[in-house]
Amino acid sequence: MLERPDVVLAAIPLLAFSGLALRTSIAVTGIGTGLLAAPLTPLGFVAAFAFIVRELLSGPVARAADESR
C-alpha cells in the first residue's frame, strides 16, 4: 500500500519531467513553436522545487518539528 512519503518521492521526478514532456508534446504536434515552448522546460523543475519546499514547510516534517517544541 502506498503511503504519503512514497507518493511524495514519486511525485518529485514526475513534476521535474512534466515540463520537458509538455514542451516536447507541443513541439511534436506543431501547435506552438519551439520558441514559445522553451519556457516550459524549466517550469517542471520549478514545480518540483515548489513541491519540495511546500512539503518541508507545511508537510509532516514541519508538523513533527512543531510538535517537538
PDB file of N, CA and C in Angstrom:
ATOM      1  N   MET A   1       0.838  -1.165   0.000  1.00  0.00           N
ATOM      2  CA  MET A   1       0.000   0.000   0.000  1.00  0.00           C
ATOM      3  C   MET A   1       0.895   1.244   0.000  1.00  0.00           C
ATOM      4  N   LEU A   2       0.529   2.222  -0.788  1.00  0.00           N
ATOM      5  CA  LEU A   2       1.311   3.452  -0.866  1.00  0.00           C
ATOM      6  C   LEU A   2       1.013   4.359   0.319  1.00  0.00           C
ATOM      7  N   GLU A   3       2.067   4.884   0.878  1.00  0.00           N
ATOM      8  CA  GLU A   3       1.931   5.837   1.971  1.00  0.00           C
ATOM      9  C   GLU A   3       2.369   7.207   1.470  1.00  0.00           C
ATOM     10  N   ARG A   4       2.142   8.228   2.246  1.00  0.00           N
ATOM     11  CA  ARG A   4       2.452   9.602   1.836  1.00  0.00           C
ATOM     12  C   ARG A   4       3.911   9.799   1.419  1.00  0.00           C
ATOM     13  N   PRO A   5       4.900   9.308   2.179  1.00  0.00           N
ATOM     14  CA  PRO A   5       6.293   9.505   1.742  1.00  0.00           C
ATOM     15  C   PRO A   5       6.585   8.877   0.382  1.00  0.00           C
ATOM     16  N   ASP A   6       5.962   7.741   0.095  1.00  0.00           N
ATOM     17  CA  ASP A   6       6.159   7.100  -1.206  1.00  0.00           C
ATOM     18  C   ASP A   6       5.601   7.957  -2.334  1.00  0.00           C
ATOM     19  N   VAL A   7       4.444   8.521  -2.116  1.00  0.00           N
ATOM     20  CA  VAL A   7       3.812   9.364  -3.129  1.00  0.00           C
ATOM     21  C   VAL A   7       4.623  10.640  -3.349  1.00  0.00           C
ATOM     22  N   VAL A   8       5.122  11.221  -2.267  1.00  0.00           N
ATOM     23  CA  VAL A   8       5.923  12.443  -2.383  1.00  0.00           C
ATOM     24  C   VAL A   8       7.195  12.165  -3.173  1.00  0.00           C
ATOM     25  N   LEU A   9       7.875  11.069  -2.843  1.00  0.00           N
ATOM     26  CA  LEU A   9       9.110  10.731  -3.561  1.00  0.00           C
ATOM     27  C   LEU A   9       8.848  10.398  -5.024  1.00  0.00           C
ATOM     28  N   ALA A  10       7.704   9.839  -5.331  1.00  0.00           N
ATOM     29  CA  ALA A  10       7.376   9.538  -6.721  1.00  0.00           C
ATOM     30  C   ALA A  10       6.962  10.794  -7.487  1.00  0.00           C
ATOM     31  N   ALA A  11       6.358  11.759  -6.804  1.00  0.00           N
ATOM     32  CA  ALA A  11       5.866  12.953  -7.478  1.00  0.00           C
ATOM     33  C   ALA A  11       6.985  13.903  -7.890  1.00  0.00           C
ATOM     34  N   ILE A  12       8.085  13.919  -7.170  1.00  0.00           N
ATOM     35  CA  ILE A  12       9.160  14.874  -7.457  1.00  0.00           C
ATOM     36  C   ILE A  12       9.740  14.674  -8.856  1.00  0.00           C
ATOM     37  N   PRO A  13      10.181  13.461  -9.249  1.00  0.00           N
ATOM     38  CA  PRO A  13      10.706  13.330 -10.617  1.00  0.00           C
ATOM     39  C   PRO A  13       9.626  13.485 -11.680  1.00  0.00           C
ATOM     40  N   LEU A  14       8.382  13.112 -11.361  1.00  0.00           N
ATOM     41  CA  LEU A  14       7.301  13.295 -12.332  1.00  0.00           C
ATOM     42  C   LEU A  14       7.062  14.769 -12.613  1.00  0.00           C
ATOM     43  N   LEU A  15       7.096  15.583 -11.575  1.00  0.00           N
ATOM     44  CA  LEU A  15       6.937  17.024 -11.776  1.00  0.00           C
ATOM     45  C   LEU A  15       8.108  17.612 -12.549  1.00  0.00           C
ATOM     46  N   ALA A  16       9.316  17.148 -12.220  1.00  0.00           N
ATOM     47  CA  ALA A  16      10.500  17.661 -12.910  1.00  0.00           C
ATOM     48  C   ALA A  16      10.473  17.306 -14.389  1.00  0.00           C
ATOM     49  N   PHE A  17       9.962  16.143 -14.723  1.00  0.00           N
ATOM     50  CA  PHE A  17       9.913  15.703 -16.112  1.00  0.00           C
ATOM     51  C   PHE A  17       8.726  16.292 -16.863  1.00  0.00           C
ATOM     52  N   SER A  18       7.719  16.757 -16.148  1.00  0.00           N
ATOM     53  CA  SER A  18       6.490  17.204 -16.794  1.00  0.00           C
ATOM     54  C   SER A  18       6.709  18.402 -17.720  1.00  0.00           C
ATOM     55  N   GLY A  19       7.588  19.317 -17.358  1.00  0.00           N
ATOM     56  CA  GLY A  19       7.845  20.474 -18.218  1.00  0.00           C
ATOM     57  C   GLY A  19       8.463  20.067 -19.539  1.00  0.00           C
ATOM     58  N   LEU A  20       9.421  19.160 -19.480  1.00  0.00           N
ATOM     59  CA  LEU A  20      10.062  18.659 -20.700  1.00  0.00           C
ATOM     60  C   LEU A  20       9.067  17.879 -21.553  1.00  0.00           C
ATOM     61  N   ALA A  21       8.236  17.073 -20.928  1.00  0.00           N
ATOM     62  CA  ALA A  21       7.243  16.298 -21.676  1.00  0.00           C
ATOM     63  C   ALA A  21       6.219  17.212 -22.347  1.00  0.00           C
ATOM     64  N   LEU A  22       5.790  18.240 -21.631  1.00  0.00           N
ATOM     65  CA  LEU A  22       4.826  19.180 -22.205  1.00  0.00           C
ATOM     66  C   LEU A  22       5.436  19.946 -23.367  1.00  0.00           C
ATOM     67  N   ARG A  23       6.682  20.369 -23.211  1.00  0.00           N
ATOM     68  CA  ARG A  23       7.360  21.085 -24.298  1.00  0.00           C
ATOM     69  C   ARG A  23       7.509  20.191 -25.522  1.00  0.00           C
ATOM     70  N   THR A  24       7.882  18.940 -25.313  1.00  0.00           N
ATOM     71  CA  THR A  24       8.050  18.006 -26.415  1.00  0.00           C
ATOM     72  C   THR A  24       6.727  17.752 -27.126  1.00  0.00           C
ATOM     73  N   SER A  25       5.651  17.581 -26.350  1.00  0.00           N
ATOM     74  CA  SER A  25       4.353  17.325 -26.983  1.00  0.00           C
ATOM     75  C   SER A  25       3.876  18.529 -27.791  1.00  0.00           C
ATOM     76  N   ILE A  26       4.158  19.725 -27.311  1.00  0.00           N
ATOM     77  CA  ILE A  26       3.768  20.923 -28.071  1.00  0.00           C
ATOM     78  C   ILE A  26       4.582  21.026 -29.356  1.00  0.00           C
ATOM     79  N   ALA A  27       5.888  20.761 -29.262  1.00  0.00           N
ATOM     80  CA  ALA A  27       6.748  20.863 -30.444  1.00  0.00           C
ATOM     81  C   ALA A  27       6.413  19.797 -31.480  1.00  0.00           C
ATOM     82  N   VAL A  28       6.083  18.595 -31.043  1.00  0.00           N
ATOM     83  CA  VAL A  28       5.788  17.499 -31.970  1.00  0.00           C
ATOM     84  C   VAL A  28       4.465  17.718 -32.693  1.00  0.00           C
ATOM     85  N   THR A  29       3.469  18.204 -31.978  1.00  0.00           N
ATOM     86  CA  THR A  29       2.163  18.385 -32.607  1.00  0.00           C
ATOM     87  C   THR A  29       2.117  19.595 -33.521  1.00  0.00           C
ATOM     88  N   GLY A  30       3.063  20.505 -33.353  1.00  0.00           N
ATOM     89  CA  GLY A  30       3.099  21.674 -34.218  1.00  0.00           C
ATOM     90  C   GLY A  30       2.146  22.770 -33.799  1.00  0.00           C
ATOM     91  N   ILE A  31       1.553  22.637 -32.624  1.00  0.00           N
ATOM     92  CA  ILE A  31       0.626  23.661 -32.150  1.00  0.00           C
ATOM     93  C   ILE A  31       1.371  24.955 -31.835  1.00  0.00           C
ATOM     94  N   GLY A  32       2.521  24.850 -31.221  1.00  0.00           N
ATOM     95  CA  GLY A  32       3.321  26.028 -30.879  1.00  0.00           C
ATOM     96  C   GLY A  32       4.716  25.882 -31.455  1.00  0.00           C
ATOM     97  N   THR A  33       5.426  26.943 -31.476  1.00  0.00           N
ATOM     98  CA  THR A  33       6.795  26.883 -31.961  1.00  0.00           C
ATOM     99  C   THR A  33       7.722  26.537 -30.812  1.00  0.00           C
ATOM    100  N   GLY A  34       8.941  26.170 -31.152  1.00  0.00           N
ATOM    101  CA  GLY A  34       9.918  25.865 -30.118  1.00  0.00           C
ATOM    102  C   GLY A  34      10.227  27.056 -29.251  1.00  0.00           C
ATOM    103  N   LEU A  35      10.184  28.225 -29.848  1.00  0.00           N
ATOM    104  CA  LEU A  35      10.461  29.445 -29.090  1.00  0.00           C
ATOM    105  C   LEU A  35       9.391  29.694 -28.030  1.00  0.00           C
ATOM    106  N   LEU A  36       8.145  29.415 -28.346  1.00  0.00           N
ATOM    107  CA  LEU A  36       7.071  29.608 -27.375  1.00  0.00           C
ATOM    108  C   LEU A  36       7.060  28.514 -26.317  1.00  0.00           C
ATOM    109  N   ALA A  37       7.515  27.321 -26.682  1.00  0.00           N
ATOM    110  CA  ALA A  37       7.505  26.202 -25.745  1.00  0.00           C
ATOM    111  C   ALA A  37       8.746  26.163 -24.863  1.00  0.00           C
ATOM    112  N   ALA A  38       9.777  26.936 -25.173  1.00  0.00           N
ATOM    113  CA  ALA A  38      11.031  26.899 -24.422  1.00  0.00           C
ATOM    114  C   ALA A  38      10.857  27.172 -22.928  1.00  0.00           C
ATOM    115  N   PRO A  39      10.026  28.124 -22.516  1.00  0.00           N
ATOM    116  CA  PRO A  39       9.893  28.359 -21.068  1.00  0.00           C
ATOM    117  C   PRO A  39       9.251  27.209 -20.305  1.00  0.00           C
ATOM    118  N   LEU A  40       8.662  26.249 -20.992  1.00  0.00           N
ATOM    119  CA  LEU A  40       8.000  25.157 -20.305  1.00  0.00           C
ATOM    120  C   LEU A  40       8.982  24.161 -19.705  1.00  0.00           C
ATOM    121  N   THR A  41      10.197  24.078 -20.235  1.00  0.00           N
ATOM    122  CA  THR A  41      11.157  23.106 -19.724  1.00  0.00           C
ATOM    123  C   THR A  41      11.531  23.388 -18.269  1.00  0.00           C
ATOM    124  N   PRO A  42      11.938  24.598 -17.918  1.00  0.00           N
ATOM    125  CA  PRO A  42      12.271  24.831 -16.506  1.00  0.00           C
ATOM    126  C   PRO A  42      11.047  24.871 -15.597  1.00  0.00           C
ATOM    127  N   LEU A  43       9.872  24.979 -16.161  1.00  0.00           N
ATOM    128  CA  LEU A  43       8.661  25.030 -15.353  1.00  0.00           C
ATOM    129  C   LEU A  43       8.479  23.751 -14.532  1.00  0.00           C
ATOM    130  N   GLY A  44       8.837  22.611 -15.104  1.00  0.00           N
ATOM    131  CA  GLY A  44       8.731  21.351 -14.369  1.00  0.00           C
ATOM    132  C   GLY A  44       9.665  21.314 -13.175  1.00  0.00           C
ATOM    133  N   PHE A  45      10.876  21.823 -13.356  1.00  0.00           N
ATOM    134  CA  PHE A  45      11.835  21.840 -12.254  1.00  0.00           C
ATOM    135  C   PHE A  45      11.392  22.825 -11.167  1.00  0.00           C
ATOM    136  N   VAL A  46      10.821  23.931 -11.571  1.00  0.00           N
ATOM    137  CA  VAL A  46      10.304  24.906 -10.606  1.00  0.00           C
ATOM    138  C   VAL A  46       9.136  24.302  -9.829  1.00  0.00           C
ATOM    139  N   ALA A  47       8.272  23.557 -10.508  1.00  0.00           N
ATOM    140  CA  ALA A  47       7.145  22.907  -9.832  1.00  0.00           C
ATOM    141  C   ALA A  47       7.639  21.861  -8.840  1.00  0.00           C
ATOM    142  N   ALA A  48       8.665  21.097  -9.216  1.00  0.00           N
ATOM    143  CA  ALA A  48       9.219  20.101  -8.302  1.00  0.00           C
ATOM    144  C   ALA A  48       9.844  20.779  -7.082  1.00  0.00           C
ATOM    145  N   PHE A  49      10.570  21.881  -7.303  1.00  0.00           N
ATOM    146  CA  PHE A  49      11.180  22.611  -6.190  1.00  0.00           C
ATOM    147  C   PHE A  49      10.106  23.180  -5.265  1.00  0.00           C
ATOM    148  N   ALA A  50       9.061  23.748  -5.837  1.00  0.00           N
ATOM    149  CA  ALA A  50       7.972  24.296  -5.024  1.00  0.00           C
ATOM    150  C   ALA A  50       7.280  23.197  -4.219  1.00  0.00           C
ATOM    151  N   PHE A  51       7.138  22.021  -4.801  1.00  0.00           N
ATOM    152  CA  PHE A  51       6.529  20.885  -4.106  1.00  0.00           C
ATOM    153  C   PHE A  51       7.386  20.467  -2.913  1.00  0.00           C
ATOM    154  N   ILE A  52       8.707  20.429  -3.107  1.00  0.00           N
ATOM    155  CA  ILE A  52       9.619  20.057  -2.020  1.00  0.00           C
ATOM    156  C   ILE A  52       9.549  21.092  -0.902  1.00  0.00           C
ATOM    157  N   VAL A  53       9.580  22.362  -1.263  1.00  0.00           N
ATOM    158  CA  VAL A  53       9.518  23.417  -0.252  1.00  0.00           C
ATOM    159  C   VAL A  53       8.194  23.365   0.501  1.00  0.00           C
ATOM    160  N   ARG A  54       7.100  23.140  -0.217  1.00  0.00           N
ATOM    161  CA  ARG A  54       5.788  23.055   0.438  1.00  0.00           C
ATOM    162  C   ARG A  54       5.747  21.888   1.414  1.00  0.00           C
ATOM    163  N   GLU A  55       6.310  20.748   1.012  1.00  0.00           N
ATOM    164  CA  GLU A  55       6.336  19.587   1.898  1.00  0.00           C
ATOM    165  C   GLU A  55       7.182  19.859   3.144  1.00  0.00           C
ATOM    166  N   LEU A  56       8.291  20.563   2.973  1.00  0.00           N
ATOM    167  CA  LEU A  56       9.148  20.838   4.121  1.00  0.00           C
ATOM    168  C   LEU A  56       8.544  21.868   5.062  1.00  0.00           C
ATOM    169  N   LEU A  57       7.807  22.833   4.514  1.00  0.00           N
ATOM    170  CA  LEU A  57       7.261  23.900   5.348  1.00  0.00           C
ATOM    171  C   LEU A  57       5.884  23.600   5.929  1.00  0.00           C
ATOM    172  N   SER A  58       5.106  22.759   5.261  1.00  0.00           N
ATOM    173  CA  SER A  58       3.754  22.509   5.768  1.00  0.00           C
ATOM    174  C   SER A  58       3.391  21.031   5.812  1.00  0.00           C
ATOM    175  N   GLY A  59       4.311  20.166   5.500  1.00  0.00           N
ATOM    176  CA  GLY A  59       4.032  18.735   5.498  1.00  0.00           C
ATOM    177  C   GLY A  59       4.283  18.100   6.851  1.00  0.00           C
ATOM    178  N   PRO A  60       4.392  16.788   6.881  1.00  0.00           N
ATOM    179  CA  PRO A  60       4.592  16.070   8.141  1.00  0.00           C
ATOM    180  C   PRO A  60       5.908  16.425   8.842  1.00  0.00           C
ATOM    181  N   VAL A  61       6.926  16.791   8.072  1.00  0.00           N
ATOM    182  CA  VAL A  61       8.204  17.169   8.680  1.00  0.00           C
ATOM    183  C   VAL A  61       8.031  18.434   9.514  1.00  0.00           C
ATOM    184  N   ALA A  62       7.338  19.415   8.960  1.00  0.00           N
ATOM    185  CA  ALA A  62       7.112  20.666   9.685  1.00  0.00           C
ATOM    186  C   ALA A  62       6.221  20.437  10.905  1.00  0.00           C
ATOM    187  N   ARG A  63       5.215  19.592  10.768  1.00  0.00           N
ATOM    188  CA  ARG A  63       4.342  19.318  11.915  1.00  0.00           C
ATOM    189  C   ARG A  63       5.089  18.601  13.029  1.00  0.00           C
ATOM    190  N   ALA A  64       5.962  17.663  12.652  1.00  0.00           N
ATOM    191  CA  ALA A  64       6.755  16.955  13.667  1.00  0.00           C
ATOM    192  C   ALA A  64       7.727  17.896  14.355  1.00  0.00           C
ATOM    193  N   ALA A  65       8.319  18.811  13.603  1.00  0.00           N
ATOM    194  CA  ALA A  65       9.234  19.779  14.207  1.00  0.00           C
ATOM    195  C   ALA A  65       8.487  20.735  15.127  1.00  0.00           C
ATOM    196  N   ASP A  66       7.266  21.089  14.759  1.00  0.00           N
ATOM    197  CA  ASP A  66       6.472  21.994  15.577  1.00  0.00           C
ATOM    198  C   ASP A  66       6.034  21.319  16.873  1.00  0.00           C
ATOM    199  N   GLU A  67       5.715  20.037  16.809  1.00  0.00           N
ATOM    200  CA  GLU A  67       5.287  19.310  17.998  1.00  0.00           C
ATOM    201  C   GLU A  67       6.432  19.082  18.972  1.00  0.00           C
ATOM    202  N   SER A  68       7.660  19.026  18.475  1.00  0.00           N
ATOM    203  CA  SER A  68       8.795  18.754  19.352  1.00  0.00           C
ATOM    204  C   SER A  68       9.187  19.973  20.186  1.00  0.00           C
ATOM    205  N   ARG A  69       8.666  21.139  19.881  1.00  0.00           N
ATOM    206  CA  ARG A  69       8.997  22.347  20.657  1.00  0.00           C
ATOM    207  C   ARG A  69       8.353  22.347  21.996  1.00  0.00           C
TER     208      ARG A  69
END
